[in-house]
PDB file of N, CA and C in Angstrom:
ATOM      1  N   UNK A   1       0.841  -1.191  -0.011  1.00  0.00           N
ATOM      2  CA  UNK A   1      -0.002   0.000   0.005  1.00  0.00           C
ATOM      3  C   UNK A   1       0.876   1.243   0.008  1.00  0.00           C
ATOM      4  N   UNK A   2       0.649   2.124  -0.884  1.00  0.00           N
ATOM      5  CA  UNK A   2       1.454   3.342  -0.991  1.00  0.00           C
ATOM      6  C   UNK A   2       1.292   4.211   0.244  1.00  0.00           C
ATOM      7  N   UNK A   3       0.095   4.328   0.756  1.00  0.00           N
ATOM      8  CA  UNK A   3      -0.125   5.184   1.927  1.00  0.00           C
ATOM      9  C   UNK A   3       0.668   4.694   3.122  1.00  0.00           C
ATOM     10  N   UNK A   4       0.755   3.386   3.294  1.00  0.00           N
ATOM     11  CA  UNK A   4       1.503   2.843   4.420  1.00  0.00           C
ATOM     12  C   UNK A   4       2.988   3.170   4.282  1.00  0.00           C
ATOM     13  N   UNK A   5       3.540   3.038   3.101  1.00  0.00           N
ATOM     14  CA  UNK A   5       4.940   3.369   2.868  1.00  0.00           C
ATOM     15  C   UNK A   5       5.212   4.841   3.132  1.00  0.00           C
ATOM     16  N   UNK A   6       4.304   5.700   2.696  1.00  0.00           N
ATOM     17  CA  UNK A   6       4.470   7.132   2.932  1.00  0.00           C
ATOM     18  C   UNK A   6       4.401   7.439   4.412  1.00  0.00           C
ATOM     19  N   UNK A   7       3.493   6.817   5.124  1.00  0.00           N
ATOM     20  CA  UNK A   7       3.378   7.063   6.567  1.00  0.00           C
ATOM     21  C   UNK A   7       4.627   6.588   7.286  1.00  0.00           C
ATOM     22  N   UNK A   8       5.179   5.450   6.879  1.00  0.00           N
ATOM     23  CA  UNK A   8       6.394   4.940   7.506  1.00  0.00           C
ATOM     24  C   UNK A   8       7.536   5.924   7.287  1.00  0.00           C
ATOM     25  N   UNK A   9       7.637   6.471   6.083  1.00  0.00           N
ATOM     26  CA  UNK A   9       8.667   7.465   5.804  1.00  0.00           C
ATOM     27  C   UNK A   9       8.486   8.704   6.643  1.00  0.00           C
ATOM     28  N   UNK A  10       7.236   9.104   6.847  1.00  0.00           N
ATOM     29  CA  UNK A  10       6.963  10.257   7.701  1.00  0.00           C
ATOM     30  C   UNK A  10       7.367   9.975   9.128  1.00  0.00           C
ATOM     31  N   UNK A  11       7.026   8.788   9.615  1.00  0.00           N
ATOM     32  CA  UNK A  11       7.392   8.434  10.987  1.00  0.00           C
ATOM     33  C   UNK A  11       8.896   8.405  11.156  1.00  0.00           C
ATOM     34  N   UNK A  12       9.610   7.869  10.183  1.00  0.00           N
ATOM     35  CA  UNK A  12      11.056   7.838  10.274  1.00  0.00           C
ATOM     36  C   UNK A  12      11.617   9.246  10.266  1.00  0.00           C
ATOM     37  N   UNK A  13      11.006  10.120   9.514  1.00  0.00           N
ATOM     38  CA  UNK A  13      11.493  11.496   9.438  1.00  0.00           C
ATOM     39  C   UNK A  13      11.243  12.261  10.718  1.00  0.00           C
ATOM     40  N   UNK A  14      10.167  11.926  11.433  1.00  0.00           N
ATOM     41  CA  UNK A  14       9.842  12.674  12.644  1.00  0.00           C
ATOM     42  C   UNK A  14      10.354  12.020  13.907  1.00  0.00           C
ATOM     43  N   UNK A  15      10.759  10.755  13.818  1.00  0.00           N
ATOM     44  CA  UNK A  15      11.270  10.072  15.001  1.00  0.00           C
ATOM     45  C   UNK A  15      12.628  10.611  15.382  1.00  0.00           C
ATOM     46  N   UNK A  16      12.983  10.448  16.657  1.00  0.00           N
ATOM     47  CA  UNK A  16      14.309  10.895  17.089  1.00  0.00           C
ATOM     48  C   UNK A  16      15.287   9.736  16.933  1.00  0.00           C
ATOM     49  N   UNK A  17      16.532  10.072  16.798  1.00  0.00           N
ATOM     50  CA  UNK A  17      17.556   9.044  16.645  1.00  0.00           C
ATOM     51  C   UNK A  17      18.375   8.972  17.927  1.00  0.00           C
ATOM     52  N   UNK A  18      19.234   7.946  18.004  1.00  0.00           N
ATOM     53  CA  UNK A  18      20.064   7.797  19.178  1.00  0.00           C
ATOM     54  C   UNK A  18      20.965   9.005  19.370  1.00  0.00           C
ATOM     55  N   UNK A  19      21.442   9.588  18.311  1.00  0.00           N
ATOM     56  CA  UNK A  19      22.353  10.719  18.419  1.00  0.00           C
ATOM     57  C   UNK A  19      21.675  11.972  18.954  1.00  0.00           C
ATOM     58  N   UNK A  20      20.338  12.051  18.838  1.00  0.00           N
ATOM     59  CA  UNK A  20      19.658  13.246  19.316  1.00  0.00           C
ATOM     60  C   UNK A  20      19.401  13.189  20.820  1.00  0.00           C
ATOM     61  N   UNK A  21      19.497  11.999  21.422  1.00  0.00           N
ATOM     62  CA  UNK A  21      19.250  11.878  22.854  1.00  0.00           C
ATOM     63  C   UNK A  21      17.784  11.987  23.208  1.00  0.00           C
ATOM     64  N   UNK A  22      16.894  11.860  22.241  1.00  0.00           N
ATOM     65  CA  UNK A  22      15.460  11.996  22.489  1.00  0.00           C
ATOM     66  C   UNK A  22      14.903  10.818  23.262  1.00  0.00           C
ATOM     67  N   UNK A  23      13.745  11.006  23.853  1.00  0.00           N
ATOM     68  CA  UNK A  23      13.070   9.989  24.659  1.00  0.00           C
ATOM     69  C   UNK A  23      12.789   8.734  23.846  1.00  0.00           C
ATOM     70  N   UNK A  24      12.495   8.871  22.587  1.00  0.00           N
ATOM     71  CA  UNK A  24      12.108   7.746  21.760  1.00  0.00           C
ATOM     72  C   UNK A  24      13.315   7.105  21.057  1.00  0.00           C
ATOM     73  N   UNK A  25      14.538   7.407  21.484  1.00  0.00           N
ATOM     74  CA  UNK A  25      15.717   6.969  20.752  1.00  0.00           C
ATOM     75  C   UNK A  25      15.889   5.455  20.746  1.00  0.00           C
ATOM     76  N   UNK A  26      15.328   4.722  21.682  1.00  0.00           N
ATOM     77  CA  UNK A  26      15.519   3.269  21.741  1.00  0.00           C
ATOM     78  C   UNK A  26      14.951   2.562  20.521  1.00  0.00           C
ATOM     79  N   UNK A  27      13.901   3.070  19.922  1.00  0.00           N
ATOM     80  CA  UNK A  27      13.326   2.387  18.775  1.00  0.00           C
ATOM     81  C   UNK A  27      12.620   3.352  17.848  1.00  0.00           C
ATOM     82  N   UNK A  28      12.669   4.605  18.128  1.00  0.00           N
ATOM     83  CA  UNK A  28      12.020   5.593  17.313  1.00  0.00           C
ATOM     84  C   UNK A  28      10.556   5.771  17.688  1.00  0.00           C
ATOM     85  N   UNK A  29       9.950   6.755  17.092  1.00  0.00           N
ATOM     86  CA  UNK A  29       8.566   7.108  17.373  1.00  0.00           C
ATOM     87  C   UNK A  29       7.604   5.985  17.005  1.00  0.00           C
ATOM     88  N   UNK A  30       7.825   5.364  15.861  1.00  0.00           N
ATOM     89  CA  UNK A  30       6.945   4.295  15.415  1.00  0.00           C
ATOM     90  C   UNK A  30       6.993   3.114  16.368  1.00  0.00           C
ATOM     91  N   UNK A  31       8.153   2.696  16.782  1.00  0.00           N
ATOM     92  CA  UNK A  31       8.294   1.559  17.711  1.00  0.00           C
ATOM     93  C   UNK A  31       7.637   1.894  19.044  1.00  0.00           C
ATOM     94  N   UNK A  32       7.852   3.092  19.538  1.00  0.00           N
ATOM     95  CA  UNK A  32       7.248   3.517  20.798  1.00  0.00           C
ATOM     96  C   UNK A  32       5.726   3.487  20.706  1.00  0.00           C
ATOM     97  N   UNK A  33       5.186   4.002  19.618  1.00  0.00           N
ATOM     98  CA  UNK A  33       3.731   4.033  19.444  1.00  0.00           C
ATOM     99  C   UNK A  33       3.153   2.627  19.347  1.00  0.00           C
ATOM    100  N   UNK A  34       3.824   1.742  18.643  1.00  0.00           N
ATOM    101  CA  UNK A  34       3.363   0.351  18.544  1.00  0.00           C
ATOM    102  C   UNK A  34       3.360  -0.302  19.916  1.00  0.00           C
ATOM    103  N   UNK A  35       4.403  -0.065  20.691  1.00  0.00           N
ATOM    104  CA  UNK A  35       4.497  -0.683  22.020  1.00  0.00           C
ATOM    105  C   UNK A  35       3.397  -0.188  22.955  1.00  0.00           C
ATOM    106  N   UNK A  36       3.122   1.111  22.950  1.00  0.00           N
ATOM    107  CA  UNK A  36       2.124   1.653  23.879  1.00  0.00           C
ATOM    108  C   UNK A  36       0.703   1.561  23.325  1.00  0.00           C
ATOM    109  N   UNK A  37       0.542   1.299  22.036  1.00  0.00           N
ATOM    110  CA  UNK A  37      -0.780   1.117  21.441  1.00  0.00           C
ATOM    111  C   UNK A  37      -1.477   2.382  21.016  1.00  0.00           C
ATOM    112  N   UNK A  38      -0.790   3.494  21.044  1.00  0.00           N
ATOM    113  CA  UNK A  38      -1.383   4.759  20.596  1.00  0.00           C
ATOM    114  C   UNK A  38      -0.292   5.713  20.160  1.00  0.00           C
ATOM    115  N   UNK A  39      -0.693   6.715  19.404  1.00  0.00           N
ATOM    116  CA  UNK A  39       0.205   7.804  19.012  1.00  0.00           C
ATOM    117  C   UNK A  39      -0.535   9.108  19.230  1.00  0.00           C
ATOM    118  N   UNK A  40       0.155  10.135  19.643  1.00  0.00           N
ATOM    119  CA  UNK A  40      -0.421  11.440  19.869  1.00  0.00           C
ATOM    120  C   UNK A  40      -0.015  12.348  18.718  1.00  0.00           C
ATOM    121  N   UNK A  41      -1.028  12.949  18.086  1.00  0.00           N
ATOM    122  CA  UNK A  41      -0.783  13.781  16.912  1.00  0.00           C
ATOM    123  C   UNK A  41      -1.327  15.189  17.131  1.00  0.00           C
ATOM    124  N   UNK A  42      -0.543  16.195  16.791  1.00  0.00           N
ATOM    125  CA  UNK A  42      -0.998  17.570  16.845  1.00  0.00           C
ATOM    126  C   UNK A  42      -1.695  17.938  15.559  1.00  0.00           C
ATOM    127  N   UNK A  43      -2.871  18.564  15.685  1.00  0.00           N
ATOM    128  CA  UNK A  43      -3.637  19.024  14.529  1.00  0.00           C
ATOM    129  C   UNK A  43      -3.910  20.519  14.682  1.00  0.00           C
ATOM    130  N   UNK A  44      -3.676  21.276  13.614  1.00  0.00           N
ATOM    131  CA  UNK A  44      -4.039  22.695  13.628  1.00  0.00           C
ATOM    132  C   UNK A  44      -5.564  22.786  13.676  1.00  0.00           C
ATOM    133  N   UNK A  45      -6.062  23.729  14.417  1.00  0.00           N
ATOM    134  CA  UNK A  45      -7.514  23.898  14.591  1.00  0.00           C
ATOM    135  C   UNK A  45      -8.094  24.569  13.340  1.00  0.00           C
ATOM    136  N   UNK A  46      -8.277  23.752  12.301  1.00  0.00           N
ATOM    137  CA  UNK A  46      -8.743  24.258  11.010  1.00  0.00           C
ATOM    138  C   UNK A  46      -9.802  23.327  10.449  1.00  0.00           C
ATOM    139  N   UNK A  47     -11.078  23.691  10.609  1.00  0.00           N
ATOM    140  CA  UNK A  47     -12.153  22.895  10.035  1.00  0.00           C
ATOM    141  C   UNK A  47     -12.143  23.089   8.533  1.00  0.00           C
ATOM    142  N   UNK A  48     -12.371  22.109   7.759  1.00  0.00           N
ATOM    143  CA  UNK A  48     -12.783  20.729   8.090  1.00  0.00           C
ATOM    144  C   UNK A  48     -11.612  19.769   8.216  1.00  0.00           C
ATOM    145  N   UNK A  49     -10.386  20.279   8.238  1.00  0.00           N
ATOM    146  CA  UNK A  49      -9.205  19.414   8.205  1.00  0.00           C
ATOM    147  C   UNK A  49      -8.917  18.758   9.543  1.00  0.00           C
ATOM    148  N   UNK A  50      -8.978  19.475  10.627  1.00  0.00           N
ATOM    149  CA  UNK A  50      -8.757  18.950  11.957  1.00  0.00           C
ATOM    150  C   UNK A  50      -9.261  19.931  12.985  1.00  0.00           C
ATOM    151  N   UNK A  51     -10.186  19.489  13.845  1.00  0.00           N
ATOM    152  CA  UNK A  51     -10.785  20.402  14.819  1.00  0.00           C
ATOM    153  C   UNK A  51     -11.476  19.582  15.900  1.00  0.00           C
ATOM    154  N   UNK A  52     -11.813  20.213  17.005  1.00  0.00           N
ATOM    155  CA  UNK A  52     -12.578  19.555  18.072  1.00  0.00           C
ATOM    156  C   UNK A  52     -14.043  19.870  17.855  1.00  0.00           C
ATOM    157  N   UNK A  53     -14.880  18.818  17.863  1.00  0.00           N
ATOM    158  CA  UNK A  53     -16.327  19.040  17.686  1.00  0.00           C
ATOM    159  C   UNK A  53     -16.925  19.533  19.011  1.00  0.00           C
ATOM    160  N   UNK A  54     -18.244  19.708  19.029  1.00  0.00           N
ATOM    161  CA  UNK A  54     -18.921  20.267  20.220  1.00  0.00           C
ATOM    162  C   UNK A  54     -18.760  19.415  21.446  1.00  0.00           C
ATOM    163  N   UNK A  55     -18.469  18.125  21.279  1.00  0.00           N
ATOM    164  CA  UNK A  55     -18.260  17.234  22.435  1.00  0.00           C
ATOM    165  C   UNK A  55     -16.786  17.176  22.846  1.00  0.00           C
ATOM    166  N   UNK A  56     -15.921  17.883  22.113  1.00  0.00           N
ATOM    167  CA  UNK A  56     -14.497  17.886  22.424  1.00  0.00           C
ATOM    168  C   UNK A  56     -13.690  16.819  21.713  1.00  0.00           C
ATOM    169  N   UNK A  57     -14.353  15.993  20.908  1.00  0.00           N
ATOM    170  CA  UNK A  57     -13.652  14.941  20.175  1.00  0.00           C
ATOM    171  C   UNK A  57     -12.959  15.549  18.966  1.00  0.00           C
ATOM    172  N   UNK A  58     -11.695  15.127  18.743  1.00  0.00           N
ATOM    173  CA  UNK A  58     -10.947  15.615  17.585  1.00  0.00           C
ATOM    174  C   UNK A  58     -11.449  14.862  16.363  1.00  0.00           C
ATOM    175  N   UNK A  59     -11.822  15.613  15.347  1.00  0.00           N
ATOM    176  CA  UNK A  59     -12.378  15.023  14.127  1.00  0.00           C
ATOM    177  C   UNK A  59     -11.930  15.821  12.919  1.00  0.00           C
ATOM    178  N   UNK A  60     -12.364  15.416  11.758  1.00  0.00           N
ATOM    179  CA  UNK A  60     -12.010  16.099  10.521  1.00  0.00           C
ATOM    180  C   UNK A  60     -11.270  15.166   9.579  1.00  0.00           C
ATOM    181  N   UNK A  61     -10.880  15.683   8.449  1.00  0.00           N
ATOM    182  CA  UNK A  61     -10.212  14.880   7.420  1.00  0.00           C
ATOM    183  C   UNK A  61      -8.884  14.327   7.896  1.00  0.00           C
ATOM    184  N   UNK A  62      -8.031  15.148   8.433  1.00  0.00           N
ATOM    185  CA  UNK A  62      -6.689  14.700   8.833  1.00  0.00           C
ATOM    186  C   UNK A  62      -6.718  13.644   9.943  1.00  0.00           C
ATOM    187  N   UNK A  63      -7.497  13.844  11.022  1.00  0.00           N
ATOM    188  CA  UNK A  63      -7.560  12.807  12.035  1.00  0.00           C
ATOM    189  C   UNK A  63      -8.095  11.466  11.507  1.00  0.00           C
ATOM    190  N   UNK A  64      -9.083  11.505  10.624  1.00  0.00           N
ATOM    191  CA  UNK A  64      -9.638  10.273  10.081  1.00  0.00           C
ATOM    192  C   UNK A  64      -8.644   9.546   9.197  1.00  0.00           C
ATOM    193  N   UNK A  65      -7.905  10.285   8.380  1.00  0.00           N
ATOM    194  CA  UNK A  65      -6.862   9.668   7.558  1.00  0.00           C
ATOM    195  C   UNK A  65      -5.762   9.102   8.446  1.00  0.00           C
ATOM    196  N   UNK A  66      -5.359   9.850   9.465  1.00  0.00           N
ATOM    197  CA  UNK A  66      -4.317   9.371  10.380  1.00  0.00           C
ATOM    198  C   UNK A  66      -4.738   8.078  11.081  1.00  0.00           C
ATOM    199  N   UNK A  67      -5.992   8.000  11.511  1.00  0.00           N
ATOM    200  CA  UNK A  67      -6.478   6.760  12.160  1.00  0.00           C
ATOM    201  C   UNK A  67      -6.364   5.566  11.218  1.00  0.00           C
ATOM    202  N   UNK A  68      -6.729   5.739   9.964  1.00  0.00           N
ATOM    203  CA  UNK A  68      -6.650   4.648   8.994  1.00  0.00           C
ATOM    204  C   UNK A  68      -5.199   4.224   8.739  1.00  0.00           C
ATOM    205  N   UNK A  69      -4.320   5.194   8.575  1.00  0.00           N
ATOM    206  CA  UNK A  69      -2.915   4.887   8.285  1.00  0.00           C
ATOM    207  C   UNK A  69      -2.245   4.223   9.472  1.00  0.00           C
ATOM    208  N   UNK A  70      -2.433   4.792  10.661  1.00  0.00           N
ATOM    209  CA  UNK A  70      -1.763   4.203  11.826  1.00  0.00           C
ATOM    210  C   UNK A  70      -2.336   2.853  12.218  1.00  0.00           C
ATOM    211  N   UNK A  71      -3.593   2.603  11.929  1.00  0.00           N
ATOM    212  CA  UNK A  71      -4.167   1.254  12.139  1.00  0.00           C
ATOM    213  C   UNK A  71      -3.436   0.244  11.272  1.00  0.00           C
ATOM    214  N   UNK A  72      -3.150   0.619  10.024  1.00  0.00           N
ATOM    215  CA  UNK A  72      -2.402  -0.248   9.110  1.00  0.00           C
ATOM    216  C   UNK A  72      -0.971  -0.484   9.606  1.00  0.00           C
ATOM    217  N   UNK A  73      -0.424   0.465  10.358  1.00  0.00           N
ATOM    218  CA  UNK A  73       0.925   0.352  10.889  1.00  0.00           C
ATOM    219  C   UNK A  73       0.953  -0.361  12.244  1.00  0.00           C
ATOM    220  N   UNK A  74      -0.199  -0.840  12.707  1.00  0.00           N
ATOM    221  CA  UNK A  74      -0.262  -1.574  13.961  1.00  0.00           C
ATOM    222  C   UNK A  74      -0.454  -0.709  15.183  1.00  0.00           C
ATOM    223  N   UNK A  75      -0.959   0.489  14.999  1.00  0.00           N
ATOM    224  CA  UNK A  75      -1.214   1.407  16.115  1.00  0.00           C
ATOM    225  C   UNK A  75      -2.700   1.672  16.137  1.00  0.00           C
ATOM    226  N   UNK A  76      -3.423   1.045  17.081  1.00  0.00           N
ATOM    227  CA  UNK A  76      -4.894   1.086  17.063  1.00  0.00           C
ATOM    228  C   UNK A  76      -5.533   2.394  17.487  1.00  0.00           C
ATOM    229  N   UNK A  77      -4.805   3.244  18.178  1.00  0.00           N
ATOM    230  CA  UNK A  77      -5.441   4.472  18.707  1.00  0.00           C
ATOM    231  C   UNK A  77      -4.641   5.704  18.323  1.00  0.00           C
ATOM    232  N   UNK A  78      -5.355   6.726  17.879  1.00  0.00           N
ATOM    233  CA  UNK A  78      -4.763   8.035  17.605  1.00  0.00           C
ATOM    234  C   UNK A  78      -5.351   9.023  18.607  1.00  0.00           C
ATOM    235  N   UNK A  79      -4.501   9.640  19.387  1.00  0.00           N
ATOM    236  CA  UNK A  79      -4.935  10.675  20.333  1.00  0.00           C
ATOM    237  C   UNK A  79      -4.624  12.032  19.702  1.00  0.00           C
ATOM    238  N   UNK A  80      -5.650  12.785  19.390  1.00  0.00           N
ATOM    239  CA  UNK A  80      -5.458  14.076  18.762  1.00  0.00           C
ATOM    240  C   UNK A  80      -5.341  15.194  19.769  1.00  0.00           C
ATOM    241  N   UNK A  81      -4.472  16.132  19.480  1.00  0.00           N
ATOM    242  CA  UNK A  81      -4.308  17.355  20.253  1.00  0.00           C
ATOM    243  C   UNK A  81      -4.537  18.512  19.305  1.00  0.00           C
ATOM    244  N   UNK A  82      -5.576  19.295  19.547  1.00  0.00           N
ATOM    245  CA  UNK A  82      -5.873  20.455  18.700  1.00  0.00           C
ATOM    246  C   UNK A  82      -5.118  21.660  19.245  1.00  0.00           C
ATOM    247  N   UNK A  83      -4.434  22.340  18.355  1.00  0.00           N
ATOM    248  CA  UNK A  83      -3.637  23.514  18.712  1.00  0.00           C
ATOM    249  C   UNK A  83      -3.672  24.504  17.555  1.00  0.00           C
ATOM    250  N   UNK A  84      -3.070  25.647  17.744  1.00  0.00           N
ATOM    251  CA  UNK A  84      -2.980  26.603  16.641  1.00  0.00           C
ATOM    252  C   UNK A  84      -1.876  26.154  15.687  1.00  0.00           C
ATOM    253  N   UNK A  85      -1.966  26.607  14.462  1.00  0.00           N
ATOM    254  CA  UNK A  85      -0.973  26.227  13.455  1.00  0.00           C
ATOM    255  C   UNK A  85       0.430  26.594  13.921  1.00  0.00           C
ATOM    256  N   UNK A  86       0.585  27.780  14.474  1.00  0.00           N
ATOM    257  CA  UNK A  86       1.894  28.252  14.928  1.00  0.00           C
ATOM    258  C   UNK A  86       2.459  27.478  16.104  1.00  0.00           C
ATOM    259  N   UNK A  87       1.648  26.667  16.755  1.00  0.00           N
ATOM    260  CA  UNK A  87       2.111  25.875  17.906  1.00  0.00           C
ATOM    261  C   UNK A  87       2.476  24.440  17.544  1.00  0.00           C
ATOM    262  N   UNK A  88       2.322  24.054  16.284  1.00  0.00           N
ATOM    263  CA  UNK A  88       2.593  22.674  15.905  1.00  0.00           C
ATOM    264  C   UNK A  88       4.077  22.293  16.104  1.00  0.00           C
ATOM    265  N   UNK A  89       4.979  23.047  15.544  1.00  0.00           N
ATOM    266  CA  UNK A  89       6.407  22.711  15.674  1.00  0.00           C
ATOM    267  C   UNK A  89       6.885  22.870  17.119  1.00  0.00           C
ATOM    268  N   UNK A  90       6.571  23.991  17.798  1.00  0.00           N
ATOM    269  CA  UNK A  90       6.984  24.097  19.202  1.00  0.00           C
ATOM    270  C   UNK A  90       6.384  22.973  20.061  1.00  0.00           C
ATOM    271  N   UNK A  91       5.150  22.576  19.793  1.00  0.00           N
ATOM    272  CA  UNK A  91       4.522  21.501  20.544  1.00  0.00           C
ATOM    273  C   UNK A  91       5.218  20.173  20.299  1.00  0.00           C
ATOM    274  N   UNK A  92       5.610  19.915  19.085  1.00  0.00           N
ATOM    275  CA  UNK A  92       6.360  18.708  18.753  1.00  0.00           C
ATOM    276  C   UNK A  92       7.714  18.703  19.466  1.00  0.00           C
ATOM    277  N   UNK A  93       8.387  19.835  19.410  1.00  0.00           N
ATOM    278  CA  UNK A  93       9.699  19.941  20.065  1.00  0.00           C
ATOM    279  C   UNK A  93       9.583  19.802  21.583  1.00  0.00           C
ATOM    280  N   UNK A  94       8.467  20.245  22.156  1.00  0.00           N
ATOM    281  CA  UNK A  94       8.269  20.173  23.596  1.00  0.00           C
ATOM    282  C   UNK A  94       7.742  18.810  24.045  1.00  0.00           C
ATOM    283  N   UNK A  95       7.422  17.931  23.098  1.00  0.00           N
ATOM    284  CA  UNK A  95       6.927  16.608  23.431  1.00  0.00           C
ATOM    285  C   UNK A  95       5.436  16.543  23.743  1.00  0.00           C
ATOM    286  N   UNK A  96       4.679  17.567  23.362  1.00  0.00           N
ATOM    287  CA  UNK A  96       3.233  17.544  23.594  1.00  0.00           C
ATOM    288  C   UNK A  96       2.549  16.501  22.730  1.00  0.00           C
ATOM    289  N   UNK A  97       3.139  16.169  21.598  1.00  0.00           N
ATOM    290  CA  UNK A  97       2.615  15.121  20.724  1.00  0.00           C
ATOM    291  C   UNK A  97       3.784  14.471  19.999  1.00  0.00           C
ATOM    292  N   UNK A  98       3.507  13.281  19.431  1.00  0.00           N
ATOM    293  CA  UNK A  98       4.558  12.503  18.768  1.00  0.00           C
ATOM    294  C   UNK A  98       4.808  12.946  17.330  1.00  0.00           C
ATOM    295  N   UNK A  99       3.744  13.326  16.626  1.00  0.00           N
ATOM    296  CA  UNK A  99       3.854  13.806  15.235  1.00  0.00           C
ATOM    297  C   UNK A  99       2.891  14.945  15.021  1.00  0.00           C
TER     298      UNK A  99
END
């Protein structure tokens, strides 16, 4: 599946390596997510792409696509964190989400 290969490449690109001293250095972000059974993803608060609905559940195009891709990668749960677009990179660097 092309989507699975692309997602794996994305995970490899966003995972930390041993040389970076990151928390996920033992096996990378993908291995950590598989082990714990979930991955935390930051989504910019932009409807219809990714947003929190009236009940607070993260929904939209990007979260639904992420759920399908990560399920194929053996990660059954996606935990979404809605933030502003400008907070995505700082949030990733601060460890608020995995990707």
